[in-house]
Structures are given as structure tokens and as C-alpha cells.
Amino acid sequence: MSWFKANAAEVLRNVAEDRIPYIITQNGEARAVVLDVASYEAAQETLALLKLVAMGREDVKAGRVVPAREAVEALRQRIRDE
């Protein structure tokens, strides 16, 4: 942690340029990760997509599904009604 404090500007520059995360430790234990913004946003987007997939799987297990043809026809009808 003390090394990070003394070298924060360099670490941030390296993270931004190289897109390599830094794991910050305190007393030998991982405490934080410094990550460039683009990598963080990509990870968040991936997590959001994985959550949607999990929700979809739960819908299938619970029987909350509609055949594709019915879904497409319902969408077409909504468009016509607008």
C-alpha cells in the first residue's frame, strides 16, 4: 500500500496505457484492484449480459416462454397498432 501511495501517478499511467490491472495488497493480502476505465466498463457490460442470460434461463425453467413465431407476430401486431 505504501508503495502504491508513493507511485500512484506512475501506476495510473501504466494502467491507462497498458490496460494491465494492478492488485493492491496490504500486509500481503489483496485489498483492491486498479483497472483502466475501458476494461472496467467492458467487465460491467459482460456481467450485465451474463445476468440477462441467467434471467432467460430462469424464465425457461419456469415455463415463461413463448414460441418464436408467436413472439414475432405479437411484435408485428404492436408495430401495426402504433
N, C-alpha and C. Protein backbone atom coordinates (compact mmCIF):
# COMPACT_ATOMS: atom_id res chain seq x y z
N MET A 1 0.83 -1.18 0.00
CA MET A 1 0.00 0.00 0.00
C MET A 1 0.88 1.25 0.00
N SER A 2 1.93 1.24 0.79
CA SER A 2 2.79 2.43 0.84
C SER A 2 3.49 2.64 -0.50
N TRP A 3 3.87 1.52 -1.18
CA TRP A 3 4.49 1.67 -2.49
C TRP A 3 3.50 2.30 -3.46
N PHE A 4 2.25 1.88 -3.40
CA PHE A 4 1.23 2.43 -4.29
C PHE A 4 1.05 3.91 -4.04
N LYS A 5 0.99 4.30 -2.79
CA LYS A 5 0.83 5.73 -2.47
C LYS A 5 1.97 6.54 -3.05
N ALA A 6 3.18 6.03 -2.95
CA ALA A 6 4.35 6.76 -3.44
C ALA A 6 4.43 6.76 -4.96
N ASN A 7 3.80 5.79 -5.61
CA ASN A 7 3.92 5.65 -7.07
C ASN A 7 2.57 5.70 -7.78
N ALA A 8 1.58 6.30 -7.17
CA ALA A 8 0.22 6.29 -7.73
C ALA A 8 0.16 6.86 -9.14
N ALA A 9 0.82 7.96 -9.39
CA ALA A 9 0.77 8.58 -10.72
C ALA A 9 1.32 7.63 -11.78
N GLU A 10 2.43 6.98 -11.47
CA GLU A 10 3.04 6.03 -12.41
C GLU A 10 2.13 4.82 -12.63
N VAL A 11 1.55 4.31 -11.57
CA VAL A 11 0.64 3.17 -11.68
C VAL A 11 -0.54 3.53 -12.57
N LEU A 12 -1.15 4.67 -12.32
CA LEU A 12 -2.30 5.09 -13.12
C LEU A 12 -1.93 5.27 -14.59
N ARG A 13 -0.76 5.81 -14.84
CA ARG A 13 -0.30 5.98 -16.22
C ARG A 13 -0.12 4.60 -16.88
N ASN A 14 0.52 3.67 -16.16
CA ASN A 14 0.73 2.33 -16.71
C ASN A 14 -0.59 1.60 -16.95
N VAL A 15 -1.50 1.72 -16.02
CA VAL A 15 -2.80 1.07 -16.16
C VAL A 15 -3.52 1.61 -17.39
N ALA A 16 -3.50 2.92 -17.57
CA ALA A 16 -4.18 3.53 -18.70
C ALA A 16 -3.53 3.13 -20.03
N GLU A 17 -2.21 3.07 -20.05
CA GLU A 17 -1.50 2.77 -21.30
C GLU A 17 -1.52 1.28 -21.64
N ASP A 18 -1.25 0.44 -20.65
CA ASP A 18 -1.06 -0.99 -20.90
C ASP A 18 -2.31 -1.83 -20.67
N ARG A 19 -3.30 -1.25 -20.01
CA ARG A 19 -4.54 -1.96 -19.67
C ARG A 19 -4.26 -3.24 -18.87
N ILE A 20 -3.26 -3.16 -18.02
CA ILE A 20 -2.94 -4.28 -17.14
C ILE A 20 -3.36 -3.89 -15.73
N PRO A 21 -4.23 -4.67 -15.10
CA PRO A 21 -4.68 -4.31 -13.76
C PRO A 21 -3.58 -4.48 -12.72
N TYR A 22 -3.61 -3.63 -11.71
CA TYR A 22 -2.72 -3.74 -10.57
C TYR A 22 -3.54 -4.23 -9.38
N ILE A 23 -3.01 -5.23 -8.69
CA ILE A 23 -3.65 -5.70 -7.47
C ILE A 23 -2.89 -5.08 -6.31
N ILE A 24 -3.60 -4.31 -5.51
CA ILE A 24 -3.01 -3.63 -4.37
C ILE A 24 -3.15 -4.54 -3.15
N THR A 25 -2.04 -4.77 -2.48
CA THR A 25 -2.07 -5.62 -1.29
C THR A 25 -1.77 -4.80 -0.05
N GLN A 26 -2.25 -5.31 1.06
CA GLN A 26 -1.95 -4.72 2.36
C GLN A 26 -1.64 -5.88 3.29
N ASN A 27 -0.44 -5.85 3.83
CA ASN A 27 0.03 -6.95 4.68
C ASN A 27 -0.05 -8.29 3.94
N GLY A 28 0.27 -8.26 2.65
CA GLY A 28 0.29 -9.48 1.85
C GLY A 28 -1.06 -9.98 1.39
N GLU A 29 -2.11 -9.24 1.69
CA GLU A 29 -3.46 -9.66 1.32
C GLU A 29 -4.04 -8.70 0.29
N ALA A 30 -4.61 -9.24 -0.78
CA ALA A 30 -5.21 -8.39 -1.82
C ALA A 30 -6.34 -7.56 -1.22
N ARG A 31 -6.31 -6.25 -1.48
CA ARG A 31 -7.31 -5.34 -0.94
C ARG A 31 -8.08 -4.57 -2.01
N ALA A 32 -7.44 -4.35 -3.16
CA ALA A 32 -8.09 -3.55 -4.21
C ALA A 32 -7.46 -3.87 -5.56
N VAL A 33 -8.18 -3.51 -6.61
CA VAL A 33 -7.68 -3.65 -7.97
C VAL A 33 -7.79 -2.30 -8.64
N VAL A 34 -6.71 -1.89 -9.30
CA VAL A 34 -6.72 -0.66 -10.10
C VAL A 34 -6.81 -1.09 -11.55
N LEU A 35 -7.84 -0.60 -12.22
CA LEU A 35 -8.17 -1.06 -13.56
C LEU A 35 -8.46 0.15 -14.44
N ASP A 36 -8.06 0.09 -15.71
CA ASP A 36 -8.39 1.20 -16.61
C ASP A 36 -9.90 1.22 -16.86
N VAL A 37 -10.40 2.39 -17.21
CA VAL A 37 -11.84 2.59 -17.34
C VAL A 37 -12.44 1.70 -18.43
N ALA A 38 -11.77 1.58 -19.56
CA ALA A 38 -12.32 0.77 -20.66
C ALA A 38 -12.47 -0.70 -20.25
N SER A 39 -11.48 -1.23 -19.55
CA SER A 39 -11.57 -2.62 -19.09
C SER A 39 -12.67 -2.78 -18.06
N TYR A 40 -12.80 -1.81 -17.17
CA TYR A 40 -13.85 -1.86 -16.16
C TYR A 40 -15.23 -1.85 -16.83
N GLU A 41 -15.42 -0.94 -17.79
CA GLU A 41 -16.70 -0.85 -18.48
C GLU A 41 -17.01 -2.14 -19.25
N ALA A 42 -15.98 -2.72 -19.88
CA ALA A 42 -16.18 -3.98 -20.60
C ALA A 42 -16.59 -5.09 -19.64
N ALA A 43 -15.96 -5.13 -18.48
CA ALA A 43 -16.32 -6.15 -17.49
C ALA A 43 -17.74 -5.95 -16.99
N GLN A 44 -18.14 -4.71 -16.78
CA GLN A 44 -19.51 -4.43 -16.33
C GLN A 44 -20.53 -4.84 -17.39
N GLU A 45 -20.20 -4.57 -18.65
CA GLU A 45 -21.10 -4.95 -19.75
C GLU A 45 -21.23 -6.48 -19.84
N THR A 46 -20.10 -7.16 -19.69
CA THR A 46 -20.12 -8.62 -19.71
C THR A 46 -20.97 -9.17 -18.57
N LEU A 47 -20.81 -8.61 -17.38
CA LEU A 47 -21.62 -9.04 -16.23
C LEU A 47 -23.11 -8.82 -16.49
N ALA A 48 -23.44 -7.68 -17.07
CA ALA A 48 -24.85 -7.38 -17.36
C ALA A 48 -25.42 -8.40 -18.35
N LEU A 49 -24.65 -8.74 -19.37
CA LEU A 49 -25.11 -9.73 -20.35
C LEU A 49 -25.26 -11.11 -19.71
N LEU A 50 -24.33 -11.47 -18.84
CA LEU A 50 -24.44 -12.76 -18.15
C LEU A 50 -25.66 -12.81 -17.25
N LYS A 51 -25.99 -11.69 -16.63
CA LYS A 51 -27.20 -11.64 -15.80
C LYS A 51 -28.44 -11.83 -16.66
N LEU A 52 -28.46 -11.22 -17.85
CA LEU A 52 -29.60 -11.40 -18.75
C LEU A 52 -29.74 -12.86 -19.19
N VAL A 53 -28.62 -13.50 -19.47
CA VAL A 53 -28.66 -14.91 -19.85
C VAL A 53 -29.21 -15.74 -18.70
N ALA A 54 -28.74 -15.47 -17.49
CA ALA A 54 -29.23 -16.22 -16.31
C ALA A 54 -30.72 -16.00 -16.11
N MET A 55 -31.18 -14.76 -16.31
CA MET A 55 -32.61 -14.47 -16.17
C MET A 55 -33.40 -15.23 -17.23
N GLY A 56 -32.88 -15.29 -18.45
CA GLY A 56 -33.54 -16.02 -19.52
C GLY A 56 -33.64 -17.50 -19.21
N ARG A 57 -32.58 -18.05 -18.66
CA ARG A 57 -32.60 -19.47 -18.29
C ARG A 57 -33.64 -19.74 -17.21
N GLU A 58 -33.75 -18.83 -16.26
CA GLU A 58 -34.76 -18.98 -15.21
C GLU A 58 -36.16 -18.92 -15.80
N ASP A 59 -36.37 -18.03 -16.76
CA ASP A 59 -37.67 -17.95 -17.43
C ASP A 59 -38.00 -19.27 -18.12
N VAL A 60 -37.01 -19.86 -18.79
CA VAL A 60 -37.24 -21.14 -19.46
C VAL A 60 -37.59 -22.21 -18.44
N LYS A 61 -36.83 -22.28 -17.35
CA LYS A 61 -37.12 -23.28 -16.31
C LYS A 61 -38.51 -23.12 -15.73
N ALA A 62 -38.96 -21.86 -15.60
CA ALA A 62 -40.27 -21.58 -15.01
C ALA A 62 -41.40 -21.67 -16.02
N GLY A 63 -41.06 -21.93 -17.29
CA GLY A 63 -42.10 -22.06 -18.30
C GLY A 63 -42.61 -20.73 -18.83
N ARG A 64 -41.90 -19.66 -18.53
CA ARG A 64 -42.31 -18.34 -19.02
C ARG A 64 -41.69 -18.10 -20.41
N VAL A 65 -42.17 -18.88 -21.37
CA VAL A 65 -41.65 -18.79 -22.73
C VAL A 65 -42.80 -18.73 -23.73
N VAL A 66 -42.49 -18.22 -24.90
CA VAL A 66 -43.46 -18.13 -25.99
C VAL A 66 -42.73 -18.62 -27.24
N PRO A 67 -43.38 -19.44 -28.06
CA PRO A 67 -42.73 -19.85 -29.31
C PRO A 67 -42.32 -18.62 -30.14
N ALA A 68 -41.21 -18.74 -30.83
CA ALA A 68 -40.65 -17.61 -31.58
C ALA A 68 -41.66 -17.02 -32.57
N ARG A 69 -42.40 -17.87 -33.26
CA ARG A 69 -43.37 -17.36 -34.24
C ARG A 69 -44.42 -16.48 -33.57
N GLU A 70 -44.89 -16.92 -32.40
CA GLU A 70 -45.89 -16.12 -31.67
C GLU A 70 -45.29 -14.79 -31.22
N ALA A 71 -44.05 -14.82 -30.76
CA ALA A 71 -43.40 -13.60 -30.29
C ALA A 71 -43.23 -12.61 -31.44
N VAL A 72 -42.79 -13.11 -32.59
CA VAL A 72 -42.59 -12.24 -33.75
C VAL A 72 -43.93 -11.66 -34.20
N GLU A 73 -44.95 -12.48 -34.25
CA GLU A 73 -46.27 -11.99 -34.67
C GLU A 73 -46.79 -10.95 -33.68
N ALA A 74 -46.59 -11.16 -32.39
CA ALA A 74 -47.03 -10.18 -31.39
C ALA A 74 -46.30 -8.85 -31.58
N LEU A 75 -45.01 -8.91 -31.88
CA LEU A 75 -44.25 -7.68 -32.13
C LEU A 75 -44.75 -6.98 -33.39
N ARG A 76 -45.00 -7.75 -34.43
CA ARG A 76 -45.52 -7.15 -35.67
C ARG A 76 -46.87 -6.48 -35.42
N GLN A 77 -47.70 -7.12 -34.63
CA GLN A 77 -49.01 -6.55 -34.31
C GLN A 77 -48.86 -5.24 -33.53
N ARG A 78 -47.95 -5.21 -32.59
CA ARG A 78 -47.72 -3.98 -31.82
C ARG A 78 -47.27 -2.84 -32.73
N ILE A 79 -46.41 -3.18 -33.70
CA ILE A 79 -45.93 -2.16 -34.63
C ILE A 79 -47.09 -1.65 -35.49
N ARG A 80 -47.94 -2.56 -35.95
CA ARG A 80 -49.09 -2.15 -36.77
C ARG A 80 -50.05 -1.28 -35.96
N ASP A 81 -50.21 -1.58 -34.68
CA ASP A 81 -51.14 -0.84 -33.82
C ASP A 81 -50.66 0.57 -33.48
N GLU A 82 -49.39 0.81 -33.63
CA GLU A 82 -48.86 2.13 -33.25
C GLU A 82 -49.12 3.19 -34.27
